[in-house]
Amino acid sequence: MSDTGSYPYETRLNIYYKPLEIIEEKQLADDCKFQWYNQTLCQVNGSVVRLGVFCGEYHWHKHEEDDEFFLRG
């Protein structure tokens, strides 16, 4: 596992959209100025949906208590 201190992450855990709001994920990604960006978009049934923007190779990591799903757009 890589040292995460060397990666310039911008992680935003605030919930960006309210229930039933249209999520403009493409616009958020296109407007992103960070190499590695993670924004919580909304909450669904106790889980969160996040947008991740990666520039270049992303380091390997894992979460012991959580599952992740990645969709490349």
N, C-alpha and C. Protein backbone atom coordinates (compact mmCIF):
# COMPACT_ATOMS: atom_id res chain seq x y z
N MET A 1 0.84 -1.17 0.00
CA MET A 1 0.00 0.00 0.00
C MET A 1 0.89 1.24 0.00
N SER A 2 0.53 2.24 -0.78
CA SER A 2 1.32 3.47 -0.90
C SER A 2 1.12 4.39 0.30
N ASP A 3 2.08 5.24 0.51
CA ASP A 3 1.99 6.29 1.53
C ASP A 3 1.04 7.37 1.02
N THR A 4 -0.11 7.53 1.68
CA THR A 4 -1.10 8.50 1.21
C THR A 4 -0.69 9.93 1.47
N GLY A 5 0.34 10.16 2.28
CA GLY A 5 0.79 11.52 2.54
C GLY A 5 1.38 12.19 1.32
N SER A 6 1.81 11.41 0.33
CA SER A 6 2.43 11.99 -0.86
C SER A 6 1.42 12.32 -1.96
N TYR A 7 0.15 12.05 -1.73
CA TYR A 7 -0.88 12.32 -2.73
C TYR A 7 -1.67 13.57 -2.35
N PRO A 8 -1.84 14.52 -3.26
CA PRO A 8 -2.56 15.76 -2.95
C PRO A 8 -4.07 15.60 -3.06
N TYR A 9 -4.66 14.90 -2.10
CA TYR A 9 -6.10 14.64 -2.12
C TYR A 9 -6.92 15.86 -1.74
N GLU A 10 -8.06 16.01 -2.40
CA GLU A 10 -9.10 16.95 -1.97
C GLU A 10 -10.31 16.08 -1.70
N THR A 11 -10.61 15.86 -0.43
CA THR A 11 -11.71 14.99 -0.03
C THR A 11 -12.77 15.83 0.67
N ARG A 12 -13.96 15.77 0.14
CA ARG A 12 -15.09 16.54 0.70
C ARG A 12 -16.20 15.57 1.08
N LEU A 13 -16.45 15.46 2.38
CA LEU A 13 -17.41 14.49 2.89
C LEU A 13 -18.81 15.07 3.08
N ASN A 14 -18.97 16.39 2.87
CA ASN A 14 -20.31 16.96 2.96
C ASN A 14 -21.19 16.38 1.86
N ILE A 15 -22.47 16.21 2.15
CA ILE A 15 -23.42 15.70 1.15
C ILE A 15 -23.83 16.87 0.27
N TYR A 16 -23.44 16.79 -1.01
CA TYR A 16 -23.57 17.90 -1.96
C TYR A 16 -25.01 18.09 -2.47
N TYR A 17 -25.74 17.00 -2.66
CA TYR A 17 -27.09 17.07 -3.20
C TYR A 17 -28.12 16.57 -2.20
N LYS A 18 -29.30 17.20 -2.20
CA LYS A 18 -30.42 16.78 -1.37
C LYS A 18 -31.19 15.67 -2.09
N PRO A 19 -32.03 14.93 -1.37
CA PRO A 19 -32.84 13.90 -2.02
C PRO A 19 -33.64 14.46 -3.20
N LEU A 20 -33.67 13.71 -4.27
CA LEU A 20 -34.41 14.00 -5.50
C LEU A 20 -33.85 15.16 -6.32
N GLU A 21 -32.71 15.70 -5.95
CA GLU A 21 -32.05 16.71 -6.78
C GLU A 21 -31.35 16.00 -7.95
N ILE A 22 -31.31 16.66 -9.08
CA ILE A 22 -30.58 16.13 -10.23
C ILE A 22 -29.09 16.28 -9.94
N ILE A 23 -28.35 15.19 -10.11
CA ILE A 23 -26.91 15.18 -9.83
C ILE A 23 -26.16 15.46 -11.12
N GLU A 24 -25.41 16.52 -11.12
CA GLU A 24 -24.63 16.95 -12.29
C GLU A 24 -23.19 16.45 -12.16
N GLU A 25 -23.01 15.13 -12.14
CA GLU A 25 -21.67 14.56 -11.90
C GLU A 25 -20.69 14.90 -13.01
N LYS A 26 -21.13 14.94 -14.25
CA LYS A 26 -20.24 15.28 -15.37
C LYS A 26 -19.73 16.71 -15.22
N GLN A 27 -20.62 17.63 -14.87
CA GLN A 27 -20.22 19.03 -14.70
C GLN A 27 -19.23 19.17 -13.56
N LEU A 28 -19.49 18.47 -12.43
CA LEU A 28 -18.56 18.52 -11.30
C LEU A 28 -17.18 18.00 -11.69
N ALA A 29 -17.16 16.89 -12.42
CA ALA A 29 -15.87 16.31 -12.86
C ALA A 29 -15.16 17.24 -13.83
N ASP A 30 -15.90 17.80 -14.78
CA ASP A 30 -15.30 18.69 -15.77
C ASP A 30 -14.74 19.96 -15.14
N ASP A 31 -15.39 20.45 -14.08
CA ASP A 31 -14.96 21.68 -13.41
C ASP A 31 -13.86 21.45 -12.38
N CYS A 32 -13.52 20.20 -12.11
CA CYS A 32 -12.56 19.87 -11.06
C CYS A 32 -11.16 20.39 -11.38
N LYS A 33 -10.52 21.01 -10.40
CA LYS A 33 -9.17 21.56 -10.56
C LYS A 33 -8.12 20.75 -9.79
N PHE A 34 -8.53 19.63 -9.18
CA PHE A 34 -7.65 18.83 -8.35
C PHE A 34 -7.23 17.56 -9.08
N GLN A 35 -6.01 17.06 -8.80
CA GLN A 35 -5.55 15.80 -9.39
C GLN A 35 -6.33 14.61 -8.86
N TRP A 36 -6.57 14.59 -7.57
CA TRP A 36 -7.33 13.52 -6.92
C TRP A 36 -8.41 14.18 -6.08
N TYR A 37 -9.65 13.98 -6.48
CA TYR A 37 -10.79 14.68 -5.88
C TYR A 37 -11.86 13.66 -5.52
N ASN A 38 -12.42 13.80 -4.33
CA ASN A 38 -13.48 12.90 -3.87
C ASN A 38 -14.55 13.76 -3.22
N GLN A 39 -15.76 13.73 -3.76
CA GLN A 39 -16.88 14.51 -3.23
C GLN A 39 -18.05 13.58 -2.97
N THR A 40 -18.60 13.61 -1.75
CA THR A 40 -19.82 12.87 -1.46
C THR A 40 -20.96 13.57 -2.17
N LEU A 41 -21.67 12.84 -3.01
CA LEU A 41 -22.77 13.43 -3.79
C LEU A 41 -24.10 13.36 -3.06
N CYS A 42 -24.44 12.16 -2.56
CA CYS A 42 -25.74 11.99 -1.93
C CYS A 42 -25.70 10.77 -1.02
N GLN A 43 -26.79 10.58 -0.30
CA GLN A 43 -26.93 9.41 0.57
C GLN A 43 -28.11 8.60 0.08
N VAL A 44 -27.93 7.28 -0.02
CA VAL A 44 -28.98 6.37 -0.49
C VAL A 44 -29.05 5.19 0.47
N ASN A 45 -30.18 5.03 1.14
CA ASN A 45 -30.39 3.90 2.05
C ASN A 45 -29.22 3.69 3.01
N GLY A 46 -28.73 4.75 3.61
CA GLY A 46 -27.66 4.64 4.59
C GLY A 46 -26.26 4.53 4.01
N SER A 47 -26.14 4.51 2.71
CA SER A 47 -24.83 4.48 2.04
C SER A 47 -24.62 5.82 1.34
N VAL A 48 -23.37 6.12 1.03
CA VAL A 48 -23.09 7.36 0.31
C VAL A 48 -22.61 7.05 -1.10
N VAL A 49 -22.91 7.97 -2.00
CA VAL A 49 -22.45 7.91 -3.38
C VAL A 49 -21.44 9.04 -3.54
N ARG A 50 -20.24 8.70 -4.02
CA ARG A 50 -19.19 9.70 -4.15
C ARG A 50 -18.71 9.79 -5.59
N LEU A 51 -18.25 10.98 -5.92
CA LEU A 51 -17.60 11.23 -7.20
C LEU A 51 -16.11 11.25 -6.94
N GLY A 52 -15.35 10.49 -7.71
CA GLY A 52 -13.90 10.52 -7.61
C GLY A 52 -13.30 10.91 -8.94
N VAL A 53 -12.39 11.86 -8.92
CA VAL A 53 -11.67 12.28 -10.12
C VAL A 53 -10.20 11.96 -9.89
N PHE A 54 -9.60 11.18 -10.78
CA PHE A 54 -8.20 10.78 -10.64
C PHE A 54 -7.43 11.22 -11.87
N CYS A 55 -6.28 11.76 -11.67
CA CYS A 55 -5.40 12.14 -12.76
C CYS A 55 -4.16 11.27 -12.67
N GLY A 56 -3.96 10.38 -13.63
CA GLY A 56 -2.81 9.48 -13.58
C GLY A 56 -3.14 8.22 -12.79
N GLU A 57 -2.11 7.52 -12.40
CA GLU A 57 -2.27 6.26 -11.67
C GLU A 57 -2.72 6.54 -10.24
N TYR A 58 -3.70 5.80 -9.79
CA TYR A 58 -4.22 5.94 -8.43
C TYR A 58 -3.63 4.84 -7.57
N HIS A 59 -3.24 5.16 -6.38
CA HIS A 59 -2.58 4.18 -5.52
C HIS A 59 -3.55 3.11 -5.04
N TRP A 60 -3.04 1.92 -4.80
CA TRP A 60 -3.84 0.82 -4.27
C TRP A 60 -4.11 1.09 -2.79
N HIS A 61 -5.34 0.88 -2.39
CA HIS A 61 -5.71 0.96 -0.98
C HIS A 61 -6.96 0.11 -0.77
N LYS A 62 -7.33 -0.10 0.47
CA LYS A 62 -8.54 -0.86 0.76
C LYS A 62 -9.18 -0.31 2.02
N HIS A 63 -10.45 -0.65 2.17
CA HIS A 63 -11.23 -0.25 3.33
C HIS A 63 -11.72 -1.53 4.00
N GLU A 64 -11.32 -1.75 5.22
CA GLU A 64 -11.66 -2.99 5.93
C GLU A 64 -13.16 -3.14 6.19
N GLU A 65 -13.85 -2.03 6.44
CA GLU A 65 -15.26 -2.10 6.84
C GLU A 65 -16.24 -1.63 5.77
N ASP A 66 -15.75 -1.21 4.61
CA ASP A 66 -16.61 -0.65 3.57
C ASP A 66 -16.38 -1.33 2.24
N ASP A 67 -17.40 -1.27 1.39
CA ASP A 67 -17.28 -1.73 0.01
C ASP A 67 -17.20 -0.50 -0.88
N GLU A 68 -16.53 -0.65 -2.03
CA GLU A 68 -16.47 0.43 -3.00
C GLU A 68 -16.80 -0.12 -4.38
N PHE A 69 -17.38 0.73 -5.18
CA PHE A 69 -17.70 0.42 -6.56
C PHE A 69 -17.21 1.59 -7.41
N PHE A 70 -16.50 1.29 -8.48
CA PHE A 70 -15.99 2.33 -9.36
C PHE A 70 -16.60 2.17 -10.75
N LEU A 71 -17.07 3.26 -11.31
CA LEU A 71 -17.61 3.30 -12.66
C LEU A 71 -16.81 4.34 -13.41
N ARG A 72 -16.15 3.91 -14.45
CA ARG A 72 -15.35 4.85 -15.24
C ARG A 72 -16.21 5.49 -16.30
N GLY A 73 -16.16 6.81 -16.36
CA GLY A 73 -17.00 7.53 -17.31
C GLY A 73 -16.21 8.12 -18.43
